[in-house]
Amino acid sequence: MEIGNVFVNQQRVYWDQLDLLGVLHNGVYPVLFERARTAFWGSLGITGYEDPHMDFPYYVVQNTVNYKQPITTEQDIAISVWIAKLGRTSLTFGHQIRDEANQLVAEGNTTIVRVDSHSRQPIPWSNSFCEMIHPYIARSE
């Protein structure tokens, strides 16, 4: 799979995010992914959920995290975001987290499903939304 454009978001790990063993708590990783996705939307000019270019509402239906090595100190990290898969009503983000030495520490996916605001049933992404995210969609080789 060839990844298209990748958005990279810089964040900081703070001491209060480390657990009793001095390791970044496993529950923090999905939050880091979420913050990076929010910054990704902002990089596309999305100003909020009411923005007409945003196909909202949607639900997060799955998060996966593969932990590669621990983060054990306060440090700046980089979270990469791209579209791993675009379905008719769903979208799967790919994520990678790299530490201050640029070592891969975690990777994962988040899948969202667009829903109708009244029925809460899945509905297709709009053409304009698909065009907006197109540069970030991974391609099959």
Protein backbone atom coordinates (compact mmCIF):
# COMPACT_ATOMS: atom_id res chain seq x y z
CA MET A 1 0.00 0.00 0.00
CA GLU A 2 1.27 3.44 -0.91
CA ILE A 3 0.33 6.17 1.52
CA GLY A 4 -0.77 9.45 -0.09
CA ASN A 5 -0.10 12.75 1.62
CA VAL A 6 0.50 12.49 5.34
CA PHE A 7 -0.44 15.14 7.89
CA VAL A 8 1.98 15.36 10.83
CA ASN A 9 0.92 16.85 14.16
CA GLN A 10 3.43 17.76 16.87
CA GLN A 11 2.34 17.12 20.45
CA ARG A 12 3.99 16.91 23.85
CA VAL A 13 3.96 14.04 26.34
CA TYR A 14 3.81 15.31 29.92
CA TRP A 15 4.82 13.57 33.14
CA ASP A 16 1.20 13.33 34.33
CA GLN A 17 0.41 11.07 31.33
CA LEU A 18 2.90 8.45 32.53
CA ASP A 19 1.60 5.56 34.62
CA LEU A 20 3.05 4.15 37.86
CA LEU A 21 5.71 2.29 35.87
CA GLY A 22 6.85 5.51 34.22
CA VAL A 23 5.42 4.59 30.82
CA LEU A 24 2.98 6.62 28.74
CA HIS A 25 -0.39 5.18 29.80
CA ASN A 26 -2.01 2.98 27.15
CA GLY A 27 -5.25 4.96 27.35
CA VAL A 28 -3.51 8.16 26.24
CA TYR A 29 -2.72 6.90 22.73
CA PRO A 30 -6.32 7.14 21.40
CA VAL A 31 -6.47 10.70 22.79
CA LEU A 32 -3.25 11.56 20.94
CA PHE A 33 -4.79 10.10 17.76
CA GLU A 34 -7.95 12.19 18.32
CA ARG A 35 -6.00 15.41 18.84
CA ALA A 36 -4.01 14.74 15.67
CA ARG A 37 -7.21 14.09 13.68
CA THR A 38 -8.69 17.34 14.98
CA ALA A 39 -5.57 19.19 13.82
CA PHE A 40 -5.84 17.35 10.48
CA TRP A 41 -9.39 18.65 9.98
CA GLY A 42 -8.15 22.14 10.84
CA SER A 43 -5.36 21.86 8.26
CA LEU A 44 -8.07 21.26 5.65
CA GLY A 45 -9.82 24.47 6.66
CA ILE A 46 -12.54 22.82 8.76
CA THR A 47 -13.46 25.30 11.48
CA GLY A 48 -15.77 23.06 13.50
CA TYR A 49 -18.53 20.50 13.31
CA GLU A 50 -20.96 23.04 11.85
CA ASP A 51 -18.58 23.75 8.94
CA PRO A 52 -20.44 23.07 5.67
CA HIS A 53 -17.46 21.10 4.30
CA MET A 54 -17.56 18.64 7.21
CA ASP A 55 -19.76 15.57 6.82
CA PHE A 56 -20.94 15.52 10.42
CA PRO A 57 -22.20 13.79 12.47
CA TYR A 58 -20.11 10.66 12.56
CA TYR A 59 -19.33 8.05 15.18
CA VAL A 60 -15.98 6.54 16.07
CA VAL A 61 -16.70 2.82 15.75
CA GLN A 62 -13.22 1.35 16.22
CA ASN A 63 -9.81 2.27 17.61
CA THR A 64 -6.80 -0.02 17.41
CA VAL A 65 -3.36 0.65 18.83
CA ASN A 66 -0.24 -1.44 18.28
CA TYR A 67 2.33 -0.50 20.89
CA LYS A 68 5.87 -0.86 19.54
CA GLN A 69 8.00 0.57 22.34
CA PRO A 70 7.28 2.64 25.45
CA ILE A 71 7.59 6.38 25.88
CA THR A 72 9.14 6.89 29.31
CA THR A 73 9.89 10.61 29.50
CA GLU A 74 8.36 13.97 28.83
CA GLN A 75 9.09 14.75 25.20
CA ASP A 76 7.82 16.11 21.92
CA ILE A 77 6.30 13.51 19.62
CA ALA A 78 5.00 13.46 16.06
CA ILE A 79 1.69 11.85 15.11
CA SER A 80 1.11 11.09 11.43
CA VAL A 81 -2.42 10.95 10.03
CA TRP A 82 -3.64 9.68 6.66
CA ILE A 83 -6.72 7.98 5.24
CA ALA A 84 -6.05 4.23 5.20
CA LYS A 85 -9.41 3.38 3.65
CA LEU A 86 -12.44 5.29 2.40
CA GLY A 87 -15.70 3.37 2.21
CA ARG A 88 -19.17 4.50 1.18
CA THR A 89 -20.17 5.43 4.75
CA SER A 90 -16.98 4.76 6.70
CA LEU A 91 -13.45 6.11 6.78
CA THR A 92 -10.41 4.56 8.45
CA PHE A 93 -7.55 6.78 9.53
CA GLY A 94 -4.01 5.45 9.82
CA HIS A 95 -1.84 6.81 12.62
CA GLN A 96 1.81 6.52 13.59
CA ILE A 97 3.47 8.02 16.64
CA ARG A 98 7.20 8.73 16.60
CA ASP A 99 9.22 9.81 19.62
CA GLU A 100 11.77 12.60 19.83
CA ALA A 101 14.41 10.26 18.32
CA ASN A 102 12.02 9.57 15.38
CA GLN A 103 11.52 5.96 16.50
CA LEU A 104 8.13 4.38 15.81
CA VAL A 105 6.50 3.88 19.21
CA ALA A 106 2.92 3.10 18.19
CA GLU A 107 0.66 2.76 15.20
CA GLY A 108 -3.03 2.24 14.82
CA ASN A 109 -6.29 2.96 13.10
CA THR A 110 -9.50 4.77 13.88
CA THR A 111 -12.67 4.08 11.91
CA ILE A 112 -15.53 6.56 11.77
CA VAL A 113 -18.98 6.15 10.22
CA ARG A 114 -21.05 9.05 8.94
CA VAL A 115 -24.63 8.99 10.21
CA ASP A 116 -27.85 10.85 9.56
CA SER A 117 -28.43 13.38 12.34
CA HIS A 118 -32.03 12.26 12.89
CA SER A 119 -32.12 8.51 12.26
CA ARG A 120 -28.50 7.88 13.35
CA GLN A 121 -28.24 5.41 10.47
CA PRO A 122 -25.15 5.31 8.21
CA ILE A 123 -25.25 7.57 5.16
CA PRO A 124 -22.71 8.07 2.34
CA TRP A 125 -19.96 10.66 2.43
CA SER A 126 -20.64 13.65 0.19
CA ASN A 127 -18.70 14.10 -3.05
CA SER A 128 -17.23 17.38 -1.80
CA PHE A 129 -15.99 15.71 1.40
CA CYS A 130 -14.38 12.87 -0.60
CA GLU A 131 -12.68 15.38 -2.88
CA MET A 132 -11.36 17.32 0.12
CA ILE A 133 -9.69 14.28 1.71
CA HIS A 134 -8.63 12.63 -1.57
CA PRO A 135 -4.93 13.67 -1.37
CA TYR A 136 -4.58 11.81 1.95
CA ILE A 137 -6.05 8.47 0.82
CA ALA A 138 -3.66 5.51 0.69
CA ARG A 139 -3.48 3.78 -2.67
CA SER A 140 -3.03 0.12 -3.54
CA GLU A 141 0.24 -0.56 -5.32
